[in-house]
């Protein structure tokens, strides 16, 4: 079965090259490489945390509380790190990870801590940020929400808070934005936490459902994109100066408050989820430093028929969009809608070769749970 999917995509690439469709409207024509890695039941086919670093893919198996480390060039598992809950190397209840380098892995826990471990799982240090916890627990390295970010140009790690904690949607206003700084920084050398001075602009409460955003970084700044907005915020690493950009898009424009202001208690869970998914949503944001491109992932908004499982849809949308922007002025280069029931919406990473997606959607008839499959997309030819 897997040979069929590889053959199909190889043929697509060959036909694309033979036609010289430099600006093809078919996103599959930009697949430059397919990686297939055999996996067993110890590796989950869906993860909430993944990270690429220097040729290796780190993949969190949340049910088993392990991190699988795959060598992408050799296409094999090279290491499995067990995250202990108790004992001298106990982490408590981990909620993700962030690999600073091959020797240092930060693990946030539900107890408002960052715990530092080595590649063997040995506990090196514990940093508590309970006094900075009014915005809730940050969810680092989760592409579905906000990433923990690090750059060589700053001493800090940046933890984008998932939302404004206990602030109800009806209370989201300009004052709430002033009182709730969205980015927590961690000074690695001092082991201290502090909020950046930056506060979200009032444009972020236009659709006052939740203040929830995707986060990425360039070599000079942090980038934030609200879940229900086309406003991109570029912030310097000190959190003092920022600029707003309106991202152009023809695909992600159906933002709505309808779900949050509807009588949800009088409807079933399925009906509520169907109403929620009618609205557009930004699913993620990642900067490509190798090709100087910004990738935006989105759900355009759609009526889901009653014969569909809305609960399953929330797990991973049937499809999503990719908007590609210039890495300097954030102007739109091209947008694509990916084929239905093919890719996992919240699974992506950037490598030297391009943008990497996983054709491992549970409804993909060609998905084989014995393999981790990665498609590498090269969009560099779109840049004139």
Protein backbone atom coordinates (compact mmCIF):
# COMPACT_ATOMS: atom_id res chain seq x y z
CA UNK A 1 0.00 0.00 0.00
CA UNK A 2 2.74 2.41 0.90
CA UNK A 3 4.52 1.72 -2.43
CA UNK A 4 1.39 2.89 -4.22
CA UNK A 5 1.31 6.26 -2.47
CA UNK A 6 5.03 6.81 -3.09
CA UNK A 7 4.61 5.87 -6.76
CA UNK A 8 1.65 8.22 -7.14
CA UNK A 9 3.44 11.18 -5.67
CA UNK A 10 6.65 10.38 -7.58
CA UNK A 11 4.63 10.40 -10.80
CA UNK A 12 3.06 13.72 -9.80
CA UNK A 13 6.51 15.23 -9.28
CA UNK A 14 7.76 13.85 -12.61
CA UNK A 15 4.79 15.18 -14.54
CA UNK A 16 5.17 18.56 -12.85
CA UNK A 17 8.83 18.78 -13.86
CA UNK A 18 8.11 17.60 -17.41
CA UNK A 19 5.46 20.31 -17.84
CA UNK A 20 7.71 22.87 -16.16
CA UNK A 21 4.73 24.14 -14.12
CA UNK A 22 6.70 26.60 -12.10
CA UNK A 23 3.55 28.19 -10.74
CA UNK A 24 1.26 25.17 -10.58
CA UNK A 25 -1.99 25.53 -8.66
CA UNK A 26 -1.64 21.94 -7.45
CA UNK A 27 0.27 21.92 -4.13
CA UNK A 28 1.35 18.31 -4.71
CA UNK A 29 3.46 19.47 -7.64
CA UNK A 30 5.82 21.10 -5.13
CA UNK A 31 6.70 17.89 -3.29
CA UNK A 32 10.47 17.59 -3.53
CA UNK A 33 11.01 14.54 -1.32
CA UNK A 34 9.11 11.76 0.42
CA UNK A 35 10.52 10.20 3.60
CA UNK A 36 9.15 6.92 4.89
CA UNK A 37 10.23 5.61 8.30
CA UNK A 38 9.10 2.23 9.67
CA UNK A 39 7.50 2.57 13.12
CA UNK A 40 5.96 0.19 15.62
CA UNK A 41 3.22 0.54 18.22
CA UNK A 42 5.58 2.43 20.53
CA UNK A 43 5.38 5.43 18.20
CA UNK A 44 2.00 7.12 18.07
CA UNK A 45 0.79 8.27 14.66
CA UNK A 46 -0.54 11.55 16.05
CA UNK A 47 1.42 13.84 18.33
CA UNK A 48 0.88 17.09 20.18
CA UNK A 49 4.56 18.03 20.17
CA UNK A 50 7.19 17.66 17.48
CA UNK A 51 10.42 19.48 16.68
CA UNK A 52 13.10 19.33 14.02
CA UNK A 53 16.74 19.92 14.96
CA UNK A 54 19.86 19.34 12.89
CA UNK A 55 18.57 16.43 10.82
CA UNK A 56 16.60 14.78 13.63
CA UNK A 57 12.86 14.75 14.25
CA UNK A 58 11.75 14.69 17.90
CA UNK A 59 8.26 13.22 18.31
CA UNK A 60 6.31 13.07 21.58
CA UNK A 61 4.28 9.96 22.35
CA UNK A 62 2.00 11.47 24.97
CA UNK A 63 0.24 8.26 26.09
CA UNK A 64 3.58 6.56 26.70
CA UNK A 65 5.35 9.77 27.80
CA UNK A 66 8.33 9.09 25.57
CA UNK A 67 10.15 11.11 22.94
CA UNK A 68 11.12 9.25 19.77
CA UNK A 69 14.14 10.67 17.95
CA UNK A 70 14.28 9.88 14.23
CA UNK A 71 17.30 10.32 11.98
CA UNK A 72 15.67 11.64 8.80
CA UNK A 73 18.65 11.07 6.52
CA UNK A 74 18.97 7.43 7.57
CA UNK A 75 15.18 7.08 7.88
CA UNK A 76 15.27 5.22 11.16
CA UNK A 77 14.60 5.57 14.87
CA UNK A 78 17.85 6.45 16.65
CA UNK A 79 16.73 6.92 20.26
CA UNK A 80 13.75 6.78 22.61
CA UNK A 81 13.76 9.00 25.68
CA UNK A 82 11.55 7.98 28.59
CA UNK A 83 10.03 10.87 30.55
CA UNK A 84 9.84 9.62 34.12
CA UNK A 85 7.01 10.89 36.34
CA UNK A 86 8.50 10.01 39.73
CA UNK A 87 11.85 9.35 41.34
CA UNK A 88 15.08 11.38 41.17
CA UNK A 89 14.46 12.14 37.48
CA UNK A 90 10.72 12.57 37.86
CA UNK A 91 9.00 15.24 35.77
CA UNK A 92 5.57 15.07 37.32
CA UNK A 93 2.99 15.58 34.57
CA UNK A 94 4.76 16.72 31.37
CA UNK A 95 2.77 18.63 28.75
CA UNK A 96 5.33 18.86 25.95
CA UNK A 97 9.01 19.51 25.35
CA UNK A 98 11.43 21.91 23.72
CA UNK A 99 14.86 20.80 22.48
CA UNK A 100 17.33 23.63 22.99
CA UNK A 101 20.21 21.50 21.71
CA UNK A 102 21.16 17.84 21.70
CA UNK A 103 22.18 17.99 25.36
CA UNK A 104 19.37 20.12 26.79
CA UNK A 105 15.63 19.46 26.65
CA UNK A 106 13.13 21.64 28.51
CA UNK A 107 9.95 19.93 29.67
CA UNK A 108 7.03 22.09 30.89
CA UNK A 109 4.73 20.45 33.42
CA UNK A 110 1.20 21.01 34.59
CA UNK A 111 2.67 22.35 37.88
CA UNK A 112 3.94 25.57 36.26
CA UNK A 113 7.50 24.35 35.95
CA UNK A 114 10.16 24.01 33.31
CA UNK A 115 12.30 20.98 33.99
CA UNK A 116 15.62 20.62 32.21
CA UNK A 117 16.74 17.10 31.26
CA UNK A 118 19.60 15.62 29.23
CA UNK A 119 19.20 13.17 26.29
CA UNK A 120 19.10 10.26 28.73
CA UNK A 121 16.24 11.74 30.74
CA UNK A 122 18.37 12.76 33.71
CA UNK A 123 16.93 15.76 35.55
CA UNK A 124 19.37 18.70 35.52
CA UNK A 125 17.31 21.57 36.93
CA UNK A 126 13.82 22.78 37.76
CA UNK A 127 12.47 26.30 37.19
CA UNK A 128 9.16 27.39 38.70
CA UNK A 129 6.99 30.14 37.21
CA UNK A 130 3.88 29.84 39.38
CA UNK A 131 4.11 33.54 40.26
CA UNK A 132 3.72 34.26 36.53
CA UNK A 133 0.88 31.81 36.03
CA UNK A 134 -2.15 34.09 35.77
CA UNK A 135 -2.43 33.35 32.07
CA UNK A 136 -2.41 29.61 32.53
CA UNK A 137 0.10 26.96 31.53
CA UNK A 138 2.00 27.62 28.29
CA UNK A 139 1.92 24.83 25.75
CA UNK A 140 5.33 24.89 24.10
CA UNK A 141 6.36 23.14 20.93
CA UNK A 142 2.77 22.36 20.02
CA UNK A 143 2.10 23.43 16.49
CA UNK A 144 -1.61 23.42 17.20
CA UNK A 145 -1.22 26.27 19.65
CA UNK A 146 1.80 28.41 20.49
CA UNK A 147 5.41 27.36 20.22
CA UNK A 148 8.18 27.81 22.69
CA UNK A 149 10.76 29.75 20.72
CA UNK A 150 14.47 30.28 20.94
CA UNK A 151 16.80 32.34 18.78
CA UNK A 152 20.55 32.77 18.70
CA UNK A 153 19.98 36.52 18.89
CA UNK A 154 18.49 36.45 22.40
CA UNK A 155 19.36 34.87 25.73
CA UNK A 156 15.73 34.04 26.36
CA UNK A 157 13.25 31.32 25.57
CA UNK A 158 9.83 32.70 24.67
CA UNK A 159 6.67 30.99 25.84
CA UNK A 160 3.56 32.18 24.03
CA UNK A 161 0.61 31.77 26.37
CA UNK A 162 -2.16 29.66 24.92
CA UNK A 163 -4.95 32.09 25.77
CA UNK A 164 -5.88 34.70 28.35
CA UNK A 165 -6.49 32.15 31.08
CA UNK A 166 -9.55 32.96 33.17
CA UNK A 167 -10.72 35.90 31.06
CA UNK A 168 -14.17 35.02 29.72
CA UNK A 169 -14.92 35.90 26.09
CA UNK A 170 -17.54 38.41 27.20
CA UNK A 171 -14.86 40.24 29.24
CA UNK A 172 -12.28 40.49 26.50
CA UNK A 173 -11.71 44.19 25.92
CA UNK A 174 -8.86 46.68 25.67
CA UNK A 175 -8.41 46.73 29.45
CA UNK A 176 -8.06 42.95 29.53
CA UNK A 177 -5.33 43.20 26.92
CA UNK A 178 -3.46 45.75 29.02
CA UNK A 179 -3.68 43.59 32.15
CA UNK A 180 -2.64 40.34 30.46
CA UNK A 181 0.76 40.28 28.74
CA UNK A 182 0.82 37.43 26.23
CA UNK A 183 4.50 36.43 26.12
CA UNK A 184 6.51 35.00 29.00
CA UNK A 185 10.29 34.96 28.59
CA UNK A 186 12.75 32.69 30.37
CA UNK A 187 16.35 33.81 30.81
CA UNK A 188 18.41 30.63 30.45
CA UNK A 189 21.50 32.00 32.19
CA UNK A 190 19.69 33.47 35.20
CA UNK A 191 16.90 30.91 35.37
CA UNK A 192 14.31 33.66 35.77
CA UNK A 193 10.96 34.45 34.16
CA UNK A 194 9.42 37.76 33.19
CA UNK A 195 6.70 39.01 30.87
CA UNK A 196 7.64 41.08 27.87
CA UNK A 197 6.31 44.64 27.94
CA UNK A 198 4.35 44.02 24.74
CA UNK A 199 0.56 44.05 24.96
CA UNK A 200 -1.78 42.87 22.23
CA UNK A 201 -3.36 45.69 20.20
CA UNK A 202 -7.09 46.37 20.38
CA UNK A 203 -7.58 44.85 16.92
CA UNK A 204 -7.29 41.44 18.61
CA UNK A 205 -10.69 41.78 20.26
CA UNK A 206 -12.64 42.29 17.04
CA UNK A 207 -13.77 38.68 17.31
CA UNK A 208 -13.72 38.43 21.08
CA UNK A 209 -13.88 34.68 21.49
CA UNK A 210 -10.47 33.86 22.90
CA UNK A 211 -7.10 35.52 22.67
CA UNK A 212 -5.23 32.60 21.19
CA UNK A 213 -2.43 32.90 18.67
CA UNK A 214 0.24 31.12 16.69
CA UNK A 215 3.83 32.16 17.20
CA UNK A 216 7.06 31.90 15.21
CA UNK A 217 10.24 33.93 14.86
CA UNK A 218 12.65 35.35 12.32
CA UNK A 219 16.29 36.26 12.99
CA UNK A 220 15.19 39.68 14.24
CA UNK A 221 11.71 39.38 15.70
CA UNK A 222 8.82 37.37 17.09
CA UNK A 223 5.71 36.95 14.95
CA UNK A 224 2.18 36.48 16.34
CA UNK A 225 -1.02 35.66 14.47
CA UNK A 226 -4.35 35.66 16.29
CA UNK A 227 -6.57 32.62 15.78
CA UNK A 228 -9.34 34.75 14.25
CA UNK A 229 -7.59 37.64 12.58
CA UNK A 230 -5.48 38.52 9.55
CA UNK A 231 -3.39 40.82 11.71
CA UNK A 232 0.25 39.74 11.97
CA UNK A 233 2.24 41.30 14.83
CA UNK A 234 6.03 41.64 14.52
CA UNK A 235 7.74 42.25 17.88
CA UNK A 236 11.38 42.88 18.71
CA UNK A 237 12.99 40.40 21.11
CA UNK A 238 12.83 42.90 23.96
CA UNK A 239 9.08 43.19 23.58
CA UNK A 240 9.17 46.97 23.24
CA UNK A 241 8.65 47.86 19.58
CA UNK A 242 6.16 46.21 17.28
CA UNK A 243 4.46 46.57 13.90
CA UNK A 244 1.12 45.38 12.58
CA UNK A 245 0.62 43.87 9.12
CA UNK A 246 -2.61 42.82 7.44
CA UNK A 247 -1.94 39.49 5.78
CA UNK A 248 -3.57 39.23 2.39
CA UNK A 249 -5.64 36.11 1.80
CA UNK A 250 -8.47 34.92 -0.41
CA UNK A 251 -9.07 31.79 1.66
CA UNK A 252 -9.23 32.72 5.37
CA UNK A 253 -11.83 35.47 5.69
CA UNK A 254 -14.98 34.02 7.25
CA UNK A 255 -14.35 34.96 10.87
CA UNK A 256 -17.42 34.97 13.07
CA UNK A 257 -18.62 35.31 16.69
CA UNK A 258 -21.77 33.35 15.93
CA UNK A 259 -20.81 30.26 17.91
CA UNK A 260 -19.77 32.15 21.05
CA UNK A 261 -22.93 34.26 21.16
CA UNK A 262 -25.33 31.43 20.37
CA UNK A 263 -27.47 29.52 22.95
CA UNK A 264 -25.06 26.60 23.13
CA UNK A 265 -26.71 24.94 26.14
CA UNK A 266 -29.83 24.22 24.09
CA UNK A 267 -27.98 22.27 21.39
CA UNK A 268 -26.06 19.02 21.22
CA UNK A 269 -22.27 18.86 21.21
CA UNK A 270 -22.31 17.89 17.54
CA UNK A 271 -24.50 20.87 16.63
CA UNK A 272 -22.25 23.24 18.55
CA UNK A 273 -19.14 21.89 16.85
CA UNK A 274 -20.77 22.23 13.45
CA UNK A 275 -21.50 25.88 14.19
CA UNK A 276 -17.97 26.45 15.46
CA UNK A 277 -16.39 25.07 12.30
CA UNK A 278 -18.40 27.44 10.08
CA UNK A 279 -15.92 30.14 11.08
CA UNK A 280 -12.44 30.59 9.63
CA UNK A 281 -9.49 29.88 11.89
CA UNK A 282 -5.72 30.22 11.74
CA UNK A 283 -4.20 26.85 12.60
CA UNK A 284 -0.51 27.71 12.68
CA UNK A 285 2.38 29.87 11.58
CA UNK A 286 6.01 29.00 10.87
CA UNK A 287 8.93 30.92 9.39
CA UNK A 288 11.34 29.29 6.95
CA UNK A 289 14.80 30.81 7.52
CA UNK A 290 16.36 28.80 4.69
CA UNK A 291 14.06 30.13 1.97
CA UNK A 292 12.97 33.33 3.73
CA UNK A 293 9.27 32.46 3.54
CA UNK A 294 6.41 32.60 6.03
CA UNK A 295 3.88 29.75 5.99
CA UNK A 296 0.39 30.23 7.38
CA UNK A 297 -1.98 27.31 7.91
CA UNK A 298 -5.72 27.87 8.06
CA UNK A 299 -9.21 26.45 8.11
CA UNK A 300 -11.44 28.46 5.72
CA UNK A 301 -14.71 27.72 7.49
CA UNK A 302 -17.32 25.34 6.17
CA UNK A 303 -20.73 23.87 6.93
CA UNK A 304 -20.21 20.30 8.11
CA UNK A 305 -23.09 18.06 7.10
CA UNK A 306 -24.96 16.18 9.80
CA UNK A 307 -23.66 12.84 8.51
CA UNK A 308 -20.09 13.83 9.43
CA UNK A 309 -18.54 13.24 12.83
CA UNK A 310 -17.92 16.76 14.15
CA UNK A 311 -16.00 15.46 17.17
CA UNK A 312 -13.57 13.65 14.87
CA UNK A 313 -13.31 16.76 12.73
CA UNK A 314 -12.08 18.75 15.72
CA UNK A 315 -9.28 16.23 16.21
CA UNK A 316 -7.86 17.05 12.81
CA UNK A 317 -9.70 18.92 10.02
CA UNK A 318 -10.34 17.11 6.76
CA UNK A 319 -8.18 19.62 4.96
CA UNK A 320 -6.49 22.98 5.45
CA UNK A 321 -4.92 25.80 3.51
CA UNK A 322 -1.36 27.07 3.16
CA UNK A 323 -0.69 30.75 2.51
CA UNK A 324 2.91 31.59 1.58
CA UNK A 325 4.28 35.07 2.30
CA UNK A 326 7.49 36.88 1.56
CA UNK A 327 9.78 36.74 4.59
CA UNK A 328 10.69 40.44 4.41
CA UNK A 329 7.50 42.43 3.80
CA UNK A 330 4.99 39.58 4.42
CA UNK A 331 3.31 40.12 1.06
CA UNK A 332 1.27 37.19 -0.26
CA UNK A 333 3.05 34.98 -2.80
CA UNK A 334 0.58 32.12 -3.29
CA UNK A 335 -2.14 30.12 -1.53
CA UNK A 336 -3.12 26.48 -1.76
CA UNK A 337 -5.92 24.28 -0.50
CA UNK A 338 -4.57 20.84 0.31
CA UNK A 339 -6.46 17.70 -0.73
CA UNK A 340 -9.06 16.39 1.67
CA UNK A 341 -8.33 13.62 4.16
CA UNK A 342 -4.63 13.55 3.39
CA UNK A 343 -2.49 15.65 5.77
CA UNK A 344 -2.53 16.14 9.53
CA UNK A 345 -3.34 19.80 10.03
CA UNK A 346 -1.25 20.47 13.14
CA UNK A 347 1.85 18.53 12.15
CA UNK A 348 4.55 20.44 10.30
CA UNK A 349 8.15 21.55 10.53
CA UNK A 350 10.69 23.42 8.44
CA UNK A 351 14.00 21.85 7.42
CA UNK A 352 16.78 22.90 5.08
CA UNK A 353 14.88 21.35 2.16
CA UNK A 354 11.53 23.01 2.75
CA UNK A 355 8.18 22.68 4.51
CA UNK A 356 7.39 19.20 5.82
CA UNK A 357 3.87 17.79 6.17
CA UNK A 358 2.56 14.38 7.19
CA UNK A 359 0.09 12.56 4.83
CA UNK A 360 -1.12 10.53 7.80
CA UNK A 361 -4.72 11.72 8.16
CA UNK A 362 -6.78 8.94 9.78
CA UNK A 363 -9.27 9.04 6.86
CA UNK A 364 -6.57 8.77 4.21
CA UNK A 365 -7.28 5.40 2.54
CA UNK A 366 -3.56 5.04 1.73
CA UNK A 367 -2.36 5.76 5.27
CA UNK A 368 -0.36 2.87 6.70
CA UNK A 369 0.08 3.01 10.47
CA UNK A 370 3.33 1.03 10.15
CA UNK A 371 5.07 4.01 8.60
CA UNK A 372 5.71 7.63 9.43
CA UNK A 373 5.51 9.42 6.08
CA UNK A 374 6.77 12.96 5.47
CA UNK A 375 6.34 15.04 2.33
CA UNK A 376 8.84 17.88 1.86
CA UNK A 377 7.47 20.81 -0.13
CA UNK A 378 9.84 23.21 -1.88
CA UNK A 379 8.09 26.51 -2.69
CA UNK A 380 11.27 28.44 -3.46
CA UNK A 381 10.47 28.59 -7.19
CA UNK A 382 7.45 30.76 -6.40
CA UNK A 383 9.74 33.63 -5.46
CA UNK A 384 10.48 35.71 -8.54
